[in-house]
Protein backbone atom coordinates (compact mmCIF):
# COMPACT_ATOMS: atom_id res chain seq x y z
CA MET A 1 0.00 0.00 0.00
CA PRO A 2 1.44 3.42 -0.84
CA ARG A 3 1.85 5.80 2.07
CA GLN A 4 -0.79 8.46 2.38
CA PHE A 5 0.06 12.13 2.28
CA ASP A 6 0.42 13.57 5.78
CA PRO A 7 0.28 17.39 5.70
CA PHE A 8 1.75 17.71 9.21
CA ARG A 9 4.77 15.58 8.35
CA GLU A 10 5.27 17.66 5.20
CA MET A 11 4.97 20.93 7.18
CA ASP A 12 7.51 19.66 9.72
CA ARG A 13 9.88 18.75 6.87
CA LEU A 14 9.47 22.19 5.31
CA PHE A 15 10.29 24.02 8.54
CA THR A 16 13.26 21.85 9.50
CA ASP A 17 14.75 21.54 6.01
CA PRO A 18 17.87 23.72 5.57
CA PHE A 19 17.56 23.57 1.78
CA PRO A 20 14.03 23.70 0.31
CA GLY A 21 13.41 20.65 -1.86
CA THR A 22 16.13 18.64 -0.12
CA THR A 23 16.21 16.35 2.89
CA THR A 24 18.79 15.16 5.45
CA ALA A 25 16.81 12.07 6.47
CA ALA A 26 18.27 10.17 3.53
CA MET A 27 21.83 11.05 4.61
CA PRO A 28 22.53 9.34 7.94
CA MET A 29 26.04 10.07 9.19
CA ASP A 30 28.64 8.72 11.61
CA LEU A 31 31.36 11.09 12.77
CA TYR A 32 34.45 10.15 14.76
CA ARG A 33 38.01 11.25 15.50
CA GLU A 34 40.95 8.94 15.10
CA GLY A 35 44.30 10.48 15.93
CA GLU A 36 44.67 13.77 14.07
CA THR A 37 41.79 13.21 11.62
CA PHE A 38 38.03 13.55 11.88
CA THR A 39 36.08 11.13 9.67
CA ALA A 40 32.47 11.50 8.53
CA LEU A 41 30.76 8.49 6.96
CA ILE A 42 27.58 9.48 5.11
CA ASP A 43 25.25 6.84 3.67
CA LEU A 44 24.31 7.62 0.07
CA PRO A 45 23.21 4.31 -1.47
CA GLY A 46 22.12 4.45 -5.09
CA VAL A 47 23.49 7.96 -5.64
CA ASP A 48 25.29 8.68 -8.90
CA PRO A 49 28.79 9.85 -7.83
CA ALA A 50 28.62 12.61 -10.46
CA THR A 51 25.79 14.27 -8.48
CA ILE A 52 27.80 14.54 -5.24
CA ASP A 53 28.78 18.15 -4.54
CA ILE A 54 30.88 19.15 -1.52
CA ASP A 55 31.87 22.69 -0.65
CA VAL A 56 33.17 24.69 2.31
CA GLU A 57 32.23 28.30 2.90
CA ASP A 58 32.72 30.23 6.15
CA ARG A 59 33.63 27.02 8.01
CA MET A 60 30.35 25.39 6.89
CA LEU A 61 30.82 22.15 4.95
CA THR A 62 27.85 21.26 2.73
CA VAL A 63 27.28 17.91 1.03
CA ARG A 64 24.62 17.63 -1.68
CA ALA A 65 23.69 14.55 -3.72
CA SER A 66 20.81 13.38 -5.92
CA ARG A 67 19.07 10.07 -6.44
CA LYS A 68 16.68 9.56 -9.34
CA ASP A 69 13.21 8.19 -8.77
CA VAL A 70 12.61 4.77 -10.27
CA GLN A 71 10.17 5.00 -13.17
CA VAL A 72 8.52 1.74 -14.23
CA GLU A 73 5.98 1.97 -17.03
CA GLY A 74 2.64 0.40 -16.04
CA ALA A 75 3.80 -0.68 -12.57
CA LYS A 76 1.37 -0.82 -9.66
CA TRP A 77 3.49 0.12 -6.66
CA LEU A 78 3.03 -2.00 -3.55
CA SER A 79 5.63 -0.07 -1.58
CA HIS A 80 7.57 3.06 -2.56
CA GLU A 81 9.75 3.98 0.44
CA ARG A 82 13.16 4.75 -1.02
CA PRO A 83 13.68 8.51 -1.06
CA SER A 84 14.61 10.27 -4.28
CA GLY A 85 15.51 13.81 -5.18
CA THR A 86 18.24 16.08 -3.84
CA PHE A 87 19.65 15.54 -0.36
CA ALA A 88 21.84 17.90 1.67
CA ARG A 89 23.76 17.81 4.90
CA GLN A 90 25.76 20.55 6.61
CA LEU A 91 28.56 20.35 9.17
CA SER A 92 29.79 23.38 11.07
CA LEU A 93 33.58 23.09 11.20
CA GLY A 94 35.43 24.51 14.17
CA ARG A 95 38.74 26.32 14.10
CA GLY A 96 41.89 24.25 14.00
CA LEU A 97 40.94 22.09 11.02
CA ALA A 98 42.89 21.97 7.75
CA LEU A 99 40.02 22.93 5.41
CA ASP A 100 42.32 22.90 2.38
CA LYS A 101 43.23 19.25 3.03
CA ILE A 102 39.75 17.69 3.27
CA GLU A 103 39.51 14.50 1.23
CA ALA A 104 36.38 12.72 -0.04
CA ASP A 105 35.94 9.15 -1.27
CA TYR A 106 32.69 7.47 -2.39
CA ARG A 107 32.63 3.69 -2.30
CA ASP A 108 29.88 1.08 -1.87
CA GLY A 109 27.23 3.75 -1.25
CA VAL A 110 29.19 5.49 1.54
CA LEU A 111 30.81 8.92 1.25
CA ARG A 112 33.91 9.16 3.47
CA LEU A 113 35.14 12.65 4.37
CA SER A 114 38.55 12.91 6.04
CA ILE A 115 39.07 16.24 7.80
CA PRO A 116 42.57 16.62 9.27
CA VAL A 117 43.53 18.77 12.24
CA ALA A 118 45.60 21.78 11.12
CA GLU A 119 49.31 21.72 11.94
CA GLU A 120 49.05 24.90 14.03
CA ALA A 121 46.35 23.29 16.21
CA LYS A 122 48.40 20.18 17.06
CA PRO A 123 50.20 20.04 20.42
CA ARG A 124 53.95 20.40 20.11
CA LYS A 125 57.08 20.45 22.24
CA ILE A 126 59.07 23.63 22.67
CA THR A 127 62.70 23.41 23.68
CA VAL A 128 63.74 25.86 26.36
CA SER A 129 67.38 26.83 26.19
CA HIS A 130 69.35 27.38 29.34
CA SER A 131 72.68 29.12 29.13
CA GLY A 132 74.24 27.09 31.93
CA ALA A 133 73.40 23.39 31.68
CA GLY A 134 72.00 22.74 28.22
CA ALA A 135 68.44 22.40 26.98
CA ILE A 136 65.29 21.63 28.96
CA GLU A 137 62.19 20.27 27.24
CA GLY A 138 58.71 21.48 28.11
CA SER A 139 55.32 20.90 26.54
CA VAL A 140 52.69 23.26 25.22
CA GLY A 141 49.25 22.07 24.59
């Protein structure tokens, strides 16, 4: 049975949707840090890789992708649950990330974003010189 139109669900979607005509529900994401790199895994099954668009502006990373609706001539749908259209997801990126070194890879329906920590944000050792007995190491962090 096809789902019935629910005007309240549609109104909720319209008011919570950051990009009209797009949805984030079809883009579930895992985000974790491993060492000096943050990794976002975004599910995008059935998306044509050519439709994936990623940009960063004012520390806001935006991912957009499209999935075409399945058209079957003369079919009587029993269930039609897979979302189609344009999907978008935004991540607010904090300071201390190397925005110019973000990498993206799409494989097996999963978009992997690797966002490294900037060199200037990494903890480092500073050598303190001492004119009498040599050098003393301290840490900054």
